[in-house]
Amino acid sequence: MVAQKSVDLNEPLSPDAKPTLAKSSLTPDYAEASLTLHGDYYRQLQGACNRYIFWHPVSMALWAIGLIVGASYLLHDYYAVSDGFPDFFAQLWARSDMKFELIYLLPCTVLIFASIGLSAHLLSDDLRDIADQLDQPDRLEELYGFDLRKFAKVDPSSKLTPKQKALVQNGENTHLIVYKNSPIAVITLKPLLDNSTEANYFVRITGLNVRKVFAKADFHSLLIDWALLRSRELFHEYSKKKSDVDSCKINILVDAYSFDKTYIKFLQSRSFGRVSSSTLLDKSKQGSNLIQAINKLLGITRDTYGVTIIAKNGDEDPLLNAIKTVPYYKSSQPSQVRKRK
């Protein structure tokens, strides 16, 4: 394996490193770093999912109902000898023995919170599994479209076989942003050739993540800009034999999770529209009917968003022109990009 430029997400960037910002396609020495960043996305998602479930109105309603039932049981005898609610609450305010009974609600509260927390962990466990299993062959194929382990063993400085050259070329479909010589953001595209035609081309963003400490920077926009450019370039390569591509569609798809409100809002601001929804958080698993029913109740879904680029011929295509002139596409919403419906 080529020496890896690893990234430690638990450590801050070196204060002594030169503060340079660069971009790079995926090269063998960045294989481990790109996989680490992609895995970090799902670990962040699990935390977001747990918080969403814990503070969900259904969870709060269960907590409130549990406390009411517990208080009713503890104070039932006091209410039975009172003259109705006004007298009961007056006694509750005045009598210390009644207040003392409420201390027994503390274990009930802890039990309810623990149950909600455990349920949240079980419901979000699929996201942790994705992160933990991301280095497995089937996961690597789903994410990158090729065997990353073989890719990492290729030494670009040596004489490459045609097969190795083709493998290294796949790295062009992953884009990294590097700060202080450490990758801080990544995006990966995978052409969906089985679903594509020369008139209707499909590309999926299989992974997009920015290190949490840099989340407020505008790196997500830079990565999406690159995805638009690269998707147009991939379509250009795919349709070389077609002389007239005017009005052909390039469909870019990406998954987002319903509880990741910030990411969804960002995608919508870039003209992505929701095209499908599933209660399966991990599409590679079958999933139990009970888990899916609970996810539906809580509004937890894995949604596919998409945007369509309308291709133009030759120099009339602004994206092809941008590929030749600028590193990132500057416009936030080019005229040829429209929301999928």
Protein backbone atom coordinates (compact mmCIF):
# COMPACT_ATOMS: atom_id res chain seq x y z
CA MET A 1 0.00 0.00 0.00
CA VAL A 2 1.16 3.53 -0.79
CA ALA A 3 2.05 5.60 2.30
CA GLN A 4 -1.19 7.20 3.46
CA LYS A 5 -1.86 10.84 4.35
CA SER A 6 -4.09 9.93 7.25
CA VAL A 7 -6.48 12.25 9.07
CA ASP A 8 -7.26 12.13 12.80
CA LEU A 9 -10.71 13.60 13.41
CA ASN A 10 -10.14 13.59 17.17
CA GLU A 11 -7.16 15.91 16.95
CA PRO A 12 -7.07 19.57 15.85
CA LEU A 13 -5.00 20.52 12.83
CA SER A 14 -1.38 21.32 13.53
CA PRO A 15 -0.96 24.99 14.50
CA ASP A 16 2.52 24.89 12.99
CA ALA A 17 1.39 23.75 9.54
CA LYS A 18 1.28 26.34 6.78
CA PRO A 19 -2.36 27.53 6.41
CA THR A 20 -2.73 26.64 2.75
CA LEU A 21 -6.02 25.61 1.16
CA ALA A 22 -5.87 23.22 -1.78
CA LYS A 23 -8.00 20.77 -3.72
CA SER A 24 -7.24 17.31 -5.01
CA SER A 25 -8.81 14.39 -6.76
CA LEU A 26 -8.58 11.04 -5.01
CA THR A 27 -5.06 9.64 -5.24
CA PRO A 28 -3.83 6.39 -3.67
CA ASP A 29 -2.21 8.25 -0.77
CA TYR A 30 -5.55 9.89 0.10
CA ALA A 31 -7.54 6.62 0.08
CA GLU A 32 -7.60 6.17 3.86
CA ALA A 33 -8.33 9.85 4.53
CA SER A 34 -11.27 9.96 2.13
CA LEU A 35 -12.76 6.83 3.69
CA THR A 36 -12.32 8.29 7.18
CA LEU A 37 -14.16 11.47 6.18
CA HIS A 38 -17.00 9.52 4.58
CA GLY A 39 -17.33 7.36 7.68
CA ASP A 40 -17.36 10.45 9.90
CA TYR A 41 -20.50 11.64 8.07
CA TYR A 42 -22.48 8.63 9.30
CA ARG A 43 -21.14 8.96 12.85
CA GLN A 44 -22.27 12.58 12.90
CA LEU A 45 -25.63 11.45 11.52
CA GLN A 46 -26.09 8.93 14.31
CA GLY A 47 -25.61 11.66 16.91
CA ALA A 48 -28.05 13.92 15.08
CA CYS A 49 -30.59 11.08 14.86
CA ASN A 50 -30.29 10.34 18.59
CA ARG A 51 -30.90 14.00 19.46
CA TYR A 52 -33.84 14.18 17.06
CA ILE A 53 -35.50 11.12 18.63
CA PHE A 54 -34.80 12.19 22.21
CA TRP A 55 -36.44 15.61 21.77
CA HIS A 56 -39.18 14.45 19.39
CA PRO A 57 -42.75 15.41 20.48
CA VAL A 58 -43.64 11.70 20.71
CA SER A 59 -40.75 11.12 23.14
CA MET A 60 -41.71 14.16 25.20
CA ALA A 61 -45.35 12.99 25.24
CA LEU A 62 -44.28 9.57 26.54
CA TRP A 63 -42.19 11.27 29.23
CA ALA A 64 -45.11 13.50 30.27
CA ILE A 65 -47.58 10.59 30.31
CA GLY A 66 -45.19 8.53 32.42
CA LEU A 67 -44.82 11.32 34.96
CA ILE A 68 -48.56 11.91 35.12
CA VAL A 69 -49.27 8.21 35.63
CA GLY A 70 -46.55 7.97 38.27
CA ALA A 71 -47.76 11.06 40.13
CA SER A 72 -51.36 9.81 39.99
CA TYR A 73 -50.32 6.51 41.55
CA LEU A 74 -48.26 8.14 44.31
CA LEU A 75 -50.83 10.80 45.22
CA HIS A 76 -54.05 8.88 44.62
CA ASP A 77 -54.80 8.43 48.33
CA TYR A 78 -54.30 12.13 49.01
CA TYR A 79 -56.67 13.06 46.19
CA ALA A 80 -59.30 10.58 47.46
CA VAL A 81 -59.64 12.43 50.78
CA SER A 82 -59.54 15.92 49.28
CA ASP A 83 -62.52 18.03 48.20
CA GLY A 84 -61.63 18.15 44.51
CA PHE A 85 -58.75 19.56 42.49
CA PRO A 86 -58.57 23.02 44.14
CA ASP A 87 -58.30 21.49 47.61
CA PHE A 88 -55.86 18.82 46.38
CA PHE A 89 -53.45 21.36 44.88
CA ALA A 90 -53.77 23.58 47.96
CA GLN A 91 -52.73 20.64 50.13
CA LEU A 92 -49.92 19.73 47.72
CA TRP A 93 -48.56 23.26 48.07
CA ALA A 94 -48.85 23.28 51.86
CA ARG A 95 -47.99 19.74 52.95
CA SER A 96 -44.37 18.59 52.88
CA ASP A 97 -45.31 14.89 53.10
CA MET A 98 -47.11 15.13 49.75
CA LYS A 99 -44.11 16.84 48.18
CA PHE A 100 -41.89 14.13 49.61
CA GLU A 101 -43.92 11.51 47.75
CA LEU A 102 -42.96 13.18 44.47
CA ILE A 103 -39.30 12.33 45.08
CA TYR A 104 -40.21 8.80 44.04
CA LEU A 105 -40.88 10.19 40.55
CA LEU A 106 -37.13 10.64 40.07
CA PRO A 107 -36.47 6.93 39.34
CA CYS A 108 -39.45 6.99 37.01
CA THR A 109 -37.99 9.98 35.14
CA VAL A 110 -34.59 8.30 34.86
CA LEU A 111 -36.20 5.09 33.60
CA ILE A 112 -38.20 6.94 30.94
CA PHE A 113 -35.18 8.91 29.73
CA ALA A 114 -33.08 5.73 29.67
CA SER A 115 -35.76 3.94 27.65
CA ILE A 116 -35.96 6.78 25.15
CA GLY A 117 -32.17 6.92 24.89
CA LEU A 118 -31.93 3.16 24.34
CA SER A 119 -34.67 3.30 21.71
CA ALA A 120 -32.86 6.14 19.94
CA HIS A 121 -29.63 4.14 19.94
CA LEU A 122 -31.36 1.07 18.48
CA LEU A 123 -33.14 3.09 15.79
CA SER A 124 -29.94 4.87 14.73
CA ASP A 125 -27.77 1.76 14.93
CA ASP A 126 -27.93 1.27 11.15
CA LEU A 127 -25.98 4.50 10.71
CA ARG A 128 -23.24 3.27 13.03
CA ASP A 129 -23.13 -0.01 11.12
CA ILE A 130 -22.59 1.85 7.85
CA ALA A 131 -19.68 3.78 9.37
CA ASP A 132 -18.13 0.65 10.90
CA GLN A 133 -18.53 -1.44 7.74
CA LEU A 134 -17.53 1.19 5.21
CA ASP A 135 -14.23 -0.58 4.49
CA GLN A 136 -16.02 -3.79 3.44
CA PRO A 137 -15.90 -4.67 -0.30
CA ASP A 138 -19.63 -4.22 -0.93
CA ARG A 139 -19.66 -0.87 0.88
CA LEU A 140 -16.59 0.33 -1.04
CA GLU A 141 -18.20 -0.65 -4.32
CA GLU A 142 -21.39 1.20 -3.37
CA LEU A 143 -19.46 4.31 -2.31
CA TYR A 144 -16.66 4.56 -4.88
CA GLY A 145 -17.64 2.14 -7.62
CA PHE A 146 -14.32 0.31 -7.39
CA ASP A 147 -12.08 -1.55 -4.92
CA LEU A 148 -10.43 1.17 -2.83
CA ARG A 149 -7.98 -1.29 -1.29
CA LYS A 150 -6.52 -2.18 -4.69
CA PHE A 151 -6.56 1.51 -5.58
CA ALA A 152 -4.50 2.36 -2.47
CA LYS A 153 -1.80 -0.13 -3.49
CA VAL A 154 -1.12 1.53 -6.85
CA ASP A 155 2.03 3.66 -6.94
CA PRO A 156 1.39 6.45 -9.49
CA SER A 157 5.12 7.17 -9.74
CA SER A 158 5.82 3.68 -11.11
CA LYS A 159 5.09 2.34 -14.56
CA LEU A 160 1.40 1.46 -14.61
CA THR A 161 -0.37 -1.26 -16.53
CA PRO A 162 -3.48 -0.31 -18.54
CA LYS A 163 -5.60 -1.87 -15.80
CA GLN A 164 -3.87 0.21 -13.12
CA LYS A 165 -4.25 3.37 -15.20
CA ALA A 166 -7.99 2.74 -15.49
CA LEU A 167 -8.19 2.15 -11.73
CA VAL A 168 -6.32 5.38 -10.91
CA GLN A 169 -8.55 7.27 -13.34
CA ASN A 170 -11.52 6.44 -11.09
CA GLY A 171 -10.05 8.82 -8.52
CA GLU A 172 -11.26 11.72 -10.67
CA ASN A 173 -14.77 11.06 -9.36
CA THR A 174 -13.77 12.00 -5.80
CA HIS A 175 -12.83 15.53 -4.81
CA LEU A 176 -11.06 16.56 -1.60
CA ILE A 177 -10.46 19.94 -0.01
CA VAL A 178 -7.16 20.01 1.86
CA TYR A 179 -6.24 22.53 4.58
CA LYS A 180 -2.88 22.55 6.33
CA ASN A 181 -1.99 19.40 4.39
CA SER A 182 -4.96 17.57 5.93
CA PRO A 183 -8.16 16.62 4.05
CA ILE A 184 -11.13 18.41 5.62
CA ALA A 185 -13.89 17.80 3.07
CA VAL A 186 -14.75 15.15 0.50
CA ILE A 187 -17.34 14.37 -2.14
CA THR A 188 -17.64 11.25 -4.29
CA LEU A 189 -19.67 10.69 -7.44
CA LYS A 190 -20.70 7.39 -8.96
CA PRO A 191 -22.15 7.22 -12.49
CA LEU A 192 -25.28 5.06 -12.61
CA LEU A 193 -24.57 3.52 -16.00
CA ASP A 194 -27.23 0.82 -15.70
CA ASN A 195 -29.91 3.51 -15.40
CA SER A 196 -28.47 5.89 -17.99
CA THR A 197 -29.06 6.54 -21.65
CA GLU A 198 -27.46 9.12 -23.94
CA ALA A 199 -30.54 11.29 -23.48
CA ASN A 200 -31.03 10.76 -19.76
CA TYR A 201 -27.83 10.35 -17.74
CA PHE A 202 -27.74 9.59 -14.00
CA VAL A 203 -25.02 10.30 -11.45
CA ARG A 204 -25.25 9.75 -7.69
CA ILE A 205 -23.39 11.68 -5.01
CA THR A 206 -22.56 8.67 -2.84
CA GLY A 207 -20.78 10.64 -0.14
CA LEU A 208 -20.33 14.26 0.93
CA ASN A 209 -18.85 15.42 4.20
CA VAL A 210 -17.05 18.36 5.76
CA ARG A 211 -15.21 18.07 9.06
CA LYS A 212 -17.49 19.31 11.83
CA VAL A 213 -15.13 22.10 12.87
CA PHE A 214 -15.37 23.55 9.33
CA ALA A 215 -19.12 23.00 8.91
CA LYS A 216 -19.92 26.73 8.94
CA ALA A 217 -17.54 27.43 6.08
CA ASP A 218 -18.95 27.35 2.55
CA PHE A 219 -17.22 24.10 1.57
CA HIS A 220 -20.51 22.31 0.89
CA SER A 221 -21.21 24.78 -1.91
CA LEU A 222 -17.75 24.28 -3.40
CA LEU A 223 -18.26 20.52 -3.38
CA ILE A 224 -21.67 20.74 -5.03
CA ASP A 225 -20.24 23.14 -7.64
CA TRP A 226 -17.58 20.57 -8.39
CA ALA A 227 -20.23 17.82 -8.59
CA LEU A 228 -22.14 19.78 -11.25
CA LEU A 229 -18.98 20.27 -13.27
CA ARG A 230 -17.80 16.69 -12.96
CA SER A 231 -21.25 15.29 -13.79
CA ARG A 232 -21.31 17.33 -17.00
CA GLU A 233 -17.81 16.11 -17.80
CA LEU A 234 -18.82 12.48 -17.17
CA PHE A 235 -21.81 12.88 -19.47
CA HIS A 236 -19.51 14.38 -22.12
CA GLU A 237 -17.31 11.27 -21.91
CA TYR A 238 -20.35 8.97 -21.90
CA SER A 239 -21.95 10.54 -24.99
CA LYS A 240 -18.86 11.06 -27.16
CA LYS A 241 -20.47 9.25 -30.08
CA LYS A 242 -23.56 11.48 -29.92
CA SER A 243 -23.07 14.68 -31.92
CA ASP A 244 -26.23 16.44 -30.73
CA VAL A 245 -26.69 16.49 -26.94
CA ASP A 246 -28.85 19.61 -26.81
CA SER A 247 -31.64 19.19 -24.20
CA CYS A 248 -30.24 15.90 -22.91
CA LYS A 249 -30.72 15.52 -19.16
CA ILE A 250 -28.04 14.93 -16.54
CA ASN A 251 -29.70 13.86 -13.29
CA ILE A 252 -27.65 14.22 -10.11
CA LEU A 253 -29.00 12.32 -7.09
CA VAL A 254 -28.00 12.44 -3.43
CA ASP A 255 -29.39 10.92 -0.24
CA ALA A 256 -30.22 13.02 2.82
CA TYR A 257 -31.84 12.08 6.11
CA SER A 258 -34.99 13.81 7.30
CA PHE A 259 -33.50 14.74 10.68
CA ASP A 260 -30.51 16.47 9.03
CA LYS A 261 -32.41 19.71 8.54
CA THR A 262 -29.37 21.89 7.82
CA TYR A 263 -28.17 19.67 4.98
CA ILE A 264 -31.65 19.39 3.47
CA LYS A 265 -32.07 23.16 3.59
CA PHE A 266 -28.73 23.54 1.83
CA LEU A 267 -29.69 21.07 -0.91
CA GLN A 268 -32.99 22.84 -1.47
CA SER A 269 -31.15 26.15 -1.77
CA ARG A 270 -29.18 24.57 -4.62
CA SER A 271 -32.37 23.54 -6.46
CA PHE A 272 -32.36 19.90 -5.33
CA GLY A 273 -35.85 18.51 -4.90
CA ARG A 274 -37.02 15.36 -3.14
CA VAL A 275 -37.74 12.52 -5.57
CA SER A 276 -38.23 9.53 -3.25
CA SER A 277 -38.35 8.57 0.41
CA SER A 278 -37.73 5.41 2.45
CA THR A 279 -37.94 4.48 6.13
CA LEU A 280 -34.88 2.23 5.64
CA LEU A 281 -31.86 4.15 6.89
CA ASP A 282 -29.48 1.58 5.39
CA LYS A 283 -30.61 0.68 1.89
CA SER A 284 -28.39 -2.41 1.85
CA LYS A 285 -30.47 -4.00 4.65
CA GLN A 286 -33.98 -5.39 4.57
CA GLY A 287 -35.03 -3.82 7.89
CA SER A 288 -37.76 -5.04 10.24
CA ASN A 289 -41.36 -3.91 9.84
CA LEU A 290 -41.40 -2.71 13.46
CA ILE A 291 -38.36 -0.45 13.01
CA GLN A 292 -39.79 0.95 9.78
CA ALA A 293 -43.14 1.60 11.47
CA ILE A 294 -41.43 3.49 14.32
CA ASN A 295 -39.32 5.45 11.84
CA LYS A 296 -42.49 6.41 9.98
CA LEU A 297 -44.16 7.51 13.23
CA LEU A 298 -41.16 9.69 14.13
CA GLY A 299 -40.71 11.01 10.60
CA ILE A 300 -37.27 9.42 10.20
CA THR A 301 -36.60 8.77 6.52
CA ARG A 302 -33.77 8.48 4.02
CA ASP A 303 -34.76 10.80 1.20
CA THR A 304 -33.30 10.98 -2.28
CA TYR A 305 -32.92 14.49 -3.66
CA GLY A 306 -32.13 15.32 -7.25
CA VAL A 307 -31.32 18.13 -9.62
CA THR A 308 -31.37 18.04 -13.42
CA ILE A 309 -28.85 19.71 -15.71
CA ILE A 310 -29.96 20.39 -19.26
CA ALA A 311 -27.00 19.83 -21.57
CA LYS A 312 -26.09 22.12 -24.46
CA ASN A 313 -23.94 21.52 -27.51
CA GLY A 314 -20.25 22.42 -27.46
CA ASP A 315 -19.38 26.00 -26.55
CA GLU A 316 -23.04 26.77 -25.81
CA ASP A 317 -22.78 24.72 -22.62
CA PRO A 318 -21.74 26.99 -19.72
CA LEU A 319 -20.65 24.06 -17.57
CA LEU A 320 -18.27 22.74 -20.22
CA ASN A 321 -16.88 26.25 -20.58
CA ALA A 322 -16.48 26.50 -16.81
CA ILE A 323 -14.51 23.25 -16.76
CA LYS A 324 -11.99 24.89 -19.07
CA THR A 325 -11.75 28.23 -17.28
CA VAL A 326 -12.50 28.08 -13.54
CA PRO A 327 -11.77 25.59 -10.72
CA TYR A 328 -15.23 25.89 -9.26
CA TYR A 329 -18.50 26.98 -10.80
CA LYS A 330 -19.25 30.43 -9.38
CA SER A 331 -22.99 30.71 -9.97
CA SER A 332 -25.20 29.32 -7.21
CA GLN A 333 -28.01 28.43 -9.60
CA PRO A 334 -27.10 28.34 -13.31
CA SER A 335 -29.94 28.74 -15.78
CA GLN A 336 -29.57 25.20 -17.09
CA VAL A 337 -30.05 23.65 -13.64
CA ARG A 338 -33.62 23.01 -12.59
CA LYS A 339 -35.32 21.32 -9.68
CA ARG A 340 -36.37 17.71 -10.16
CA LYS A 341 -40.05 17.00 -9.63
